N, C-alpha and C. Protein backbone atom coordinates (compact mmCIF):
# COMPACT_ATOMS: atom_id res chain seq x y z
N MET A 1 90.10 88.23 85.76
CA MET A 1 91.45 88.77 85.69
C MET A 1 91.65 89.38 84.30
N PRO A 2 91.93 90.67 84.23
CA PRO A 2 92.20 91.29 82.93
C PRO A 2 93.42 90.64 82.28
N ARG A 3 93.46 90.65 80.96
CA ARG A 3 94.57 90.03 80.25
C ARG A 3 95.48 91.09 79.64
N TYR A 4 96.76 90.95 79.95
CA TYR A 4 97.76 91.86 79.42
C TYR A 4 98.84 91.10 78.66
N ASP A 5 98.52 89.84 78.27
CA ASP A 5 99.51 89.00 77.62
C ASP A 5 100.00 89.60 76.31
N ARG A 6 99.14 90.22 75.55
CA ARG A 6 99.53 90.82 74.27
C ARG A 6 100.53 91.97 74.51
N ALA A 7 100.37 92.72 75.59
CA ALA A 7 101.31 93.80 75.90
C ALA A 7 102.71 93.24 76.17
N GLY A 8 102.78 92.10 76.84
CA GLY A 8 104.08 91.46 77.06
C GLY A 8 104.72 91.02 75.76
N TRP A 9 103.90 90.50 74.85
CA TRP A 9 104.40 90.06 73.55
C TRP A 9 104.93 91.24 72.75
N ILE A 10 104.20 92.34 72.77
CA ILE A 10 104.65 93.55 72.07
C ILE A 10 105.95 94.07 72.68
N THR A 11 106.07 94.01 74.00
CA THR A 11 107.29 94.45 74.67
C THR A 11 108.47 93.55 74.28
N ALA A 12 108.21 92.26 74.07
CA ALA A 12 109.26 91.34 73.62
C ALA A 12 109.82 91.77 72.27
N ALA A 13 108.97 92.30 71.43
CA ALA A 13 109.42 92.77 70.11
C ALA A 13 110.43 93.91 70.26
N LEU A 14 110.31 94.71 71.31
CA LEU A 14 111.29 95.78 71.55
C LEU A 14 112.66 95.18 71.84
N ALA A 15 112.68 94.10 72.61
CA ALA A 15 113.95 93.42 72.89
C ALA A 15 114.55 92.89 71.60
N ARG A 16 113.73 92.24 70.79
CA ARG A 16 114.19 91.69 69.51
C ARG A 16 114.79 92.80 68.64
N ASP A 17 114.09 93.92 68.56
CA ASP A 17 114.55 95.03 67.73
C ASP A 17 115.85 95.64 68.25
N ALA A 18 116.12 95.47 69.55
CA ALA A 18 117.36 95.97 70.14
C ALA A 18 118.48 94.93 70.08
N GLY A 19 118.21 93.77 69.46
CA GLY A 19 119.22 92.73 69.34
C GLY A 19 119.33 91.84 70.55
N GLU A 20 118.36 91.93 71.44
CA GLU A 20 118.33 91.09 72.65
C GLU A 20 117.37 89.93 72.42
N VAL A 21 117.51 88.88 73.24
CA VAL A 21 116.57 87.77 73.18
C VAL A 21 115.17 88.34 73.43
N PRO A 22 114.21 88.06 72.57
CA PRO A 22 112.89 88.70 72.65
C PRO A 22 112.00 88.15 73.76
N ILE A 23 112.21 88.69 74.93
CA ILE A 23 111.38 88.36 76.09
C ILE A 23 110.85 89.68 76.62
N GLY A 24 109.54 89.74 76.84
CA GLY A 24 108.91 90.95 77.34
C GLY A 24 108.02 90.65 78.53
N ALA A 25 107.85 91.63 79.40
CA ALA A 25 107.02 91.45 80.59
C ALA A 25 106.28 92.73 80.92
N VAL A 26 105.11 92.57 81.50
CA VAL A 26 104.36 93.70 82.05
C VAL A 26 103.84 93.31 83.42
N VAL A 27 103.70 94.31 84.28
CA VAL A 27 103.11 94.12 85.60
C VAL A 27 101.79 94.88 85.61
N SER A 28 100.74 94.20 86.04
CA SER A 28 99.44 94.88 86.16
C SER A 28 99.01 94.88 87.62
N LEU A 29 98.35 95.96 88.00
CA LEU A 29 97.84 96.12 89.36
C LEU A 29 96.60 96.99 89.29
N ASP A 30 95.56 96.54 89.93
CA ASP A 30 94.30 97.29 89.98
C ASP A 30 93.80 97.67 88.58
N GLY A 31 93.94 96.75 87.64
CA GLY A 31 93.38 96.96 86.31
C GLY A 31 94.21 97.81 85.36
N ALA A 32 95.44 98.12 85.74
CA ALA A 32 96.29 98.95 84.88
C ALA A 32 97.69 98.38 84.78
N ILE A 33 98.35 98.64 83.68
CA ILE A 33 99.76 98.26 83.55
C ILE A 33 100.58 99.29 84.32
N VAL A 34 101.36 98.80 85.30
CA VAL A 34 102.17 99.69 86.13
C VAL A 34 103.67 99.50 85.91
N GLY A 35 104.04 98.49 85.14
CA GLY A 35 105.45 98.25 84.86
C GLY A 35 105.62 97.51 83.55
N ARG A 36 106.68 97.86 82.83
CA ARG A 36 107.00 97.20 81.56
C ARG A 36 108.50 96.94 81.54
N GLY A 37 108.86 95.85 80.88
CA GLY A 37 110.28 95.58 80.73
C GLY A 37 110.53 94.60 79.61
N PHE A 38 111.69 94.73 79.00
CA PHE A 38 112.10 93.74 78.03
C PHE A 38 113.53 93.33 78.34
N ASN A 39 113.89 92.16 77.86
CA ASN A 39 115.20 91.60 78.10
C ASN A 39 116.27 92.55 77.57
N GLN A 40 117.25 92.92 78.42
CA GLN A 40 118.29 93.85 77.98
C GLN A 40 119.62 93.70 78.70
N PRO A 41 120.05 92.48 79.01
CA PRO A 41 121.33 92.35 79.71
C PRO A 41 122.53 92.82 78.89
N ILE A 42 122.49 92.66 77.57
CA ILE A 42 123.62 93.09 76.74
C ILE A 42 123.66 94.61 76.70
N ARG A 43 122.55 95.22 76.36
CA ARG A 43 122.45 96.67 76.24
C ARG A 43 122.78 97.38 77.55
N ALA A 44 122.32 96.81 78.67
CA ALA A 44 122.52 97.43 79.97
C ALA A 44 123.81 96.98 80.66
N SER A 45 124.53 96.04 80.05
CA SER A 45 125.71 95.43 80.70
C SER A 45 125.35 94.99 82.12
N ASP A 46 124.22 94.31 82.22
CA ASP A 46 123.67 93.92 83.52
C ASP A 46 123.07 92.52 83.41
N PRO A 47 123.70 91.52 84.03
CA PRO A 47 123.17 90.17 83.93
C PRO A 47 121.81 89.98 84.58
N THR A 48 121.39 90.93 85.40
CA THR A 48 120.06 90.83 86.03
C THR A 48 118.98 91.54 85.23
N ALA A 49 119.30 92.12 84.10
CA ALA A 49 118.32 92.91 83.34
C ALA A 49 117.42 92.02 82.47
N HIS A 50 116.83 91.03 83.11
CA HIS A 50 115.83 90.20 82.44
C HIS A 50 114.52 90.99 82.39
N ALA A 51 113.66 90.62 81.46
CA ALA A 51 112.40 91.34 81.27
C ALA A 51 111.60 91.45 82.57
N GLU A 52 111.54 90.34 83.32
CA GLU A 52 110.77 90.33 84.56
C GLU A 52 111.33 91.32 85.57
N ILE A 53 112.65 91.32 85.73
CA ILE A 53 113.29 92.21 86.70
C ILE A 53 113.09 93.67 86.30
N VAL A 54 113.27 93.96 85.02
CA VAL A 54 113.09 95.34 84.54
C VAL A 54 111.65 95.79 84.77
N ALA A 55 110.68 94.93 84.49
CA ALA A 55 109.27 95.28 84.70
C ALA A 55 108.96 95.46 86.18
N LEU A 56 109.51 94.59 87.04
CA LEU A 56 109.30 94.74 88.48
C LEU A 56 109.91 96.04 88.99
N ARG A 57 111.10 96.38 88.52
CA ARG A 57 111.73 97.65 88.93
C ARG A 57 110.88 98.84 88.52
N ASP A 58 110.38 98.81 87.30
CA ASP A 58 109.53 99.90 86.80
C ASP A 58 108.28 100.03 87.66
N ALA A 59 107.63 98.90 87.95
CA ALA A 59 106.41 98.93 88.76
C ALA A 59 106.69 99.39 90.18
N ALA A 60 107.78 98.92 90.77
CA ALA A 60 108.12 99.30 92.14
C ALA A 60 108.40 100.80 92.24
N LEU A 61 109.09 101.34 91.26
CA LEU A 61 109.36 102.79 91.26
C LEU A 61 108.06 103.58 91.18
N ARG A 62 107.16 103.14 90.32
CA ARG A 62 105.87 103.84 90.19
C ARG A 62 105.03 103.72 91.46
N ALA A 63 105.09 102.54 92.09
CA ALA A 63 104.30 102.30 93.30
C ALA A 63 104.94 102.90 94.54
N GLY A 64 106.25 103.16 94.46
CA GLY A 64 106.95 103.66 95.64
C GLY A 64 107.17 102.58 96.68
N ASN A 65 107.13 101.31 96.23
CA ASN A 65 107.28 100.19 97.15
C ASN A 65 107.71 98.97 96.34
N TYR A 66 108.69 98.23 96.84
CA TYR A 66 109.12 97.04 96.10
C TYR A 66 108.14 95.89 96.26
N ARG A 67 107.27 95.97 97.24
CA ARG A 67 106.25 94.94 97.39
C ARG A 67 105.05 95.31 96.54
N LEU A 68 104.74 94.45 95.61
CA LEU A 68 103.67 94.69 94.65
C LEU A 68 102.50 93.75 94.93
N THR A 69 102.08 93.74 96.16
CA THR A 69 101.02 92.85 96.62
C THR A 69 99.78 92.99 95.75
N GLY A 70 99.30 91.85 95.26
CA GLY A 70 98.10 91.83 94.43
C GLY A 70 98.36 91.99 92.95
N ALA A 71 99.60 92.26 92.57
CA ALA A 71 99.94 92.47 91.16
C ALA A 71 100.08 91.15 90.41
N SER A 72 99.96 91.24 89.10
CA SER A 72 100.21 90.10 88.21
C SER A 72 101.35 90.46 87.28
N LEU A 73 102.19 89.47 86.99
CA LEU A 73 103.26 89.67 86.02
C LEU A 73 102.99 88.77 84.83
N TYR A 74 102.98 89.36 83.64
CA TYR A 74 102.79 88.65 82.38
C TYR A 74 104.13 88.65 81.66
N VAL A 75 104.61 87.49 81.27
CA VAL A 75 105.90 87.40 80.58
C VAL A 75 105.80 86.36 79.47
N THR A 76 106.54 86.59 78.42
CA THR A 76 106.42 85.73 77.23
C THR A 76 107.06 84.36 77.40
N ILE A 77 108.05 84.24 78.27
CA ILE A 77 108.79 82.99 78.46
C ILE A 77 108.84 82.66 79.96
N GLU A 78 108.82 81.39 80.28
CA GLU A 78 108.91 80.93 81.67
C GLU A 78 110.13 81.56 82.37
N PRO A 79 109.93 82.14 83.54
CA PRO A 79 111.03 82.80 84.26
C PRO A 79 112.12 81.84 84.74
N CYS A 80 113.33 82.39 84.86
CA CYS A 80 114.47 81.65 85.39
C CYS A 80 114.43 81.69 86.93
N LEU A 81 115.40 81.03 87.55
CA LEU A 81 115.47 80.97 89.01
C LEU A 81 115.59 82.36 89.64
N MET A 82 116.45 83.21 89.09
CA MET A 82 116.61 84.56 89.62
C MET A 82 115.28 85.32 89.59
N CYS A 83 114.59 85.22 88.47
CA CYS A 83 113.34 85.96 88.31
C CYS A 83 112.24 85.42 89.21
N VAL A 84 112.20 84.11 89.41
CA VAL A 84 111.22 83.54 90.35
C VAL A 84 111.48 84.10 91.74
N GLY A 85 112.75 84.18 92.13
CA GLY A 85 113.08 84.77 93.43
C GLY A 85 112.60 86.21 93.55
N ALA A 86 112.75 86.98 92.48
CA ALA A 86 112.28 88.37 92.49
C ALA A 86 110.76 88.43 92.61
N LEU A 87 110.06 87.51 91.95
CA LEU A 87 108.60 87.48 92.05
C LEU A 87 108.16 87.21 93.48
N VAL A 88 108.86 86.31 94.15
CA VAL A 88 108.55 86.02 95.56
C VAL A 88 108.79 87.26 96.41
N HIS A 89 109.94 87.90 96.26
CA HIS A 89 110.26 89.09 97.05
C HIS A 89 109.29 90.23 96.78
N ALA A 90 108.82 90.36 95.55
CA ALA A 90 107.88 91.43 95.19
C ALA A 90 106.45 91.12 95.62
N ARG A 91 106.22 89.90 96.06
CA ARG A 91 104.88 89.47 96.50
C ARG A 91 103.85 89.50 95.37
N ILE A 92 104.30 89.13 94.17
CA ILE A 92 103.39 89.03 93.03
C ILE A 92 102.31 88.00 93.34
N ALA A 93 101.07 88.30 92.99
CA ALA A 93 99.96 87.37 93.24
C ALA A 93 99.85 86.31 92.15
N THR A 94 100.09 86.72 90.90
CA THR A 94 99.89 85.80 89.77
C THR A 94 100.99 85.99 88.74
N LEU A 95 101.52 84.87 88.27
CA LEU A 95 102.46 84.85 87.16
C LEU A 95 101.76 84.23 85.96
N VAL A 96 101.74 84.94 84.85
CA VAL A 96 101.18 84.43 83.60
C VAL A 96 102.32 84.40 82.60
N TYR A 97 102.61 83.21 82.04
CA TYR A 97 103.70 83.16 81.06
C TYR A 97 103.28 82.41 79.82
N GLY A 98 104.01 82.69 78.73
CA GLY A 98 103.71 82.10 77.44
C GLY A 98 104.32 80.72 77.28
N ALA A 99 105.52 80.66 76.75
CA ALA A 99 106.16 79.38 76.43
C ALA A 99 107.09 78.93 77.55
N ALA A 100 107.19 77.62 77.70
CA ALA A 100 108.15 77.04 78.64
C ALA A 100 109.56 77.32 78.13
N GLU A 101 110.52 77.34 79.05
CA GLU A 101 111.93 77.54 78.71
C GLU A 101 112.69 76.32 79.22
N PRO A 102 112.86 75.29 78.36
CA PRO A 102 113.40 74.02 78.82
C PRO A 102 114.82 74.07 79.38
N LYS A 103 115.61 75.06 79.02
CA LYS A 103 116.99 75.13 79.50
C LYS A 103 117.14 75.83 80.84
N SER A 104 116.36 76.89 81.06
CA SER A 104 116.56 77.66 82.30
C SER A 104 115.27 78.04 83.01
N GLY A 105 114.13 77.63 82.50
CA GLY A 105 112.86 77.94 83.17
C GLY A 105 112.80 77.28 84.53
N ALA A 106 112.45 78.05 85.54
CA ALA A 106 112.47 77.52 86.91
C ALA A 106 111.10 77.48 87.56
N VAL A 107 110.04 77.52 86.74
CA VAL A 107 108.69 77.38 87.29
C VAL A 107 108.26 75.91 87.17
N VAL A 108 108.48 75.33 85.99
CA VAL A 108 108.15 73.91 85.80
C VAL A 108 109.22 73.14 85.02
N SER A 109 110.02 73.80 84.21
CA SER A 109 110.92 73.09 83.29
C SER A 109 112.14 72.46 83.95
N THR A 110 112.93 73.23 84.67
CA THR A 110 114.13 72.68 85.31
C THR A 110 114.00 72.57 86.81
N ALA A 111 113.06 73.32 87.37
CA ALA A 111 112.83 73.32 88.82
C ALA A 111 111.42 73.84 89.08
N ARG A 112 110.97 73.63 90.26
CA ARG A 112 109.71 74.21 90.72
C ARG A 112 110.06 75.18 91.85
N ALA A 113 110.80 76.21 91.48
CA ALA A 113 111.38 77.12 92.45
C ALA A 113 110.35 77.81 93.33
N ALA A 114 109.19 78.10 92.78
CA ALA A 114 108.15 78.79 93.56
C ALA A 114 107.53 77.88 94.61
N GLU A 115 107.84 76.60 94.55
CA GLU A 115 107.29 75.64 95.51
C GLU A 115 108.31 75.20 96.55
N LEU A 116 109.49 75.79 96.56
CA LEU A 116 110.52 75.39 97.51
C LEU A 116 110.03 75.59 98.94
N PRO A 117 110.33 74.63 99.81
CA PRO A 117 109.92 74.79 101.21
C PRO A 117 110.63 75.99 101.83
N GLY A 118 109.95 76.63 102.74
CA GLY A 118 110.54 77.76 103.44
C GLY A 118 110.27 79.11 102.83
N LEU A 119 109.73 79.15 101.61
CA LEU A 119 109.41 80.45 101.02
C LEU A 119 108.26 81.08 101.80
N ASN A 120 108.34 82.39 101.98
CA ASN A 120 107.31 83.08 102.75
C ASN A 120 106.21 83.66 101.87
N HIS A 121 106.22 83.31 100.58
CA HIS A 121 105.17 83.79 99.67
C HIS A 121 105.01 82.80 98.53
N ARG A 122 103.79 82.61 98.11
CA ARG A 122 103.47 81.76 96.96
C ARG A 122 102.64 82.59 95.98
N PHE A 123 102.69 82.22 94.71
CA PHE A 123 101.87 82.92 93.72
C PHE A 123 101.22 81.91 92.80
N GLU A 124 100.11 82.32 92.23
CA GLU A 124 99.40 81.50 91.26
C GLU A 124 100.19 81.52 89.95
N VAL A 125 100.18 80.39 89.24
CA VAL A 125 100.88 80.29 87.96
C VAL A 125 99.89 79.93 86.87
N VAL A 126 99.88 80.71 85.80
CA VAL A 126 99.04 80.45 84.63
C VAL A 126 99.98 80.29 83.43
N PRO A 127 100.27 79.05 83.03
CA PRO A 127 101.19 78.82 81.92
C PRO A 127 100.50 78.76 80.56
N GLY A 128 101.29 78.90 79.51
CA GLY A 128 100.83 78.61 78.16
C GLY A 128 99.98 79.65 77.47
N VAL A 129 99.98 80.89 77.95
CA VAL A 129 99.18 81.95 77.33
C VAL A 129 99.95 82.50 76.11
N LEU A 130 99.34 82.46 74.95
CA LEU A 130 99.99 82.81 73.68
C LEU A 130 101.27 81.99 73.47
N GLU A 131 101.23 80.76 73.93
CA GLU A 131 102.41 79.90 73.92
C GLU A 131 103.06 79.78 72.55
N ASP A 132 102.28 79.46 71.53
CA ASP A 132 102.85 79.27 70.19
C ASP A 132 103.50 80.54 69.66
N GLU A 133 102.85 81.68 69.86
CA GLU A 133 103.40 82.95 69.38
C GLU A 133 104.69 83.31 70.11
N CYS A 134 104.70 83.09 71.42
CA CYS A 134 105.88 83.42 72.22
C CYS A 134 107.06 82.53 71.83
N ARG A 135 106.80 81.24 71.68
CA ARG A 135 107.85 80.30 71.29
C ARG A 135 108.38 80.65 69.89
N ALA A 136 107.46 80.94 68.97
CA ALA A 136 107.86 81.26 67.59
C ALA A 136 108.75 82.49 67.53
N MET A 137 108.48 83.50 68.34
CA MET A 137 109.29 84.72 68.32
C MET A 137 110.72 84.42 68.74
N VAL A 138 110.88 83.63 69.80
CA VAL A 138 112.23 83.29 70.27
C VAL A 138 112.94 82.40 69.25
N GLN A 139 112.25 81.41 68.73
CA GLN A 139 112.86 80.53 67.74
C GLN A 139 113.30 81.30 66.49
N ALA A 140 112.47 82.21 66.02
CA ALA A 140 112.82 83.01 64.84
C ALA A 140 114.04 83.88 65.13
N PHE A 141 114.12 84.43 66.32
CA PHE A 141 115.27 85.27 66.70
C PHE A 141 116.56 84.47 66.58
N PHE A 142 116.59 83.27 67.16
CA PHE A 142 117.82 82.48 67.13
C PHE A 142 118.09 81.92 65.73
N ARG A 143 117.06 81.57 65.00
CA ARG A 143 117.24 81.10 63.62
C ARG A 143 117.85 82.20 62.76
N ASP A 144 117.38 83.42 62.92
CA ASP A 144 117.89 84.54 62.13
C ASP A 144 119.32 84.93 62.50
N ARG A 145 119.75 84.60 63.70
CA ARG A 145 121.10 84.94 64.14
C ARG A 145 122.14 83.94 63.67
N ARG A 146 121.70 82.79 63.19
CA ARG A 146 122.64 81.75 62.74
C ARG A 146 123.11 82.00 61.34
């Protein structure tokens, strides 16, 4: 599996520079990055504009299909419940994330949303990639805002 974790981390820096919580995501398919997104709910006045959703939208537009079968999503922080739902609907094959999100992460921290009974799709989860760097970026962002 090719690694695009560094691209997600770089994308998170764009969110930080825009004054948003520094979370970045990329979608890869067939060996190429097909979608990028960073956290931007404040800038977009859109509560759904999480990095994962923005990256999935970008990839779906490029693919001409909201189903991204076989794709992987790389994100710097564990996805929330809304984003896990979007990953299921997009038919993502693999989720790779950096640091856990103890307050709202819905992969392992507060819930195991991807394992709920009745879901018509499951995806592989690879946690902890660049974990220390991803956690440090978010912690520095909030420390600097205080």
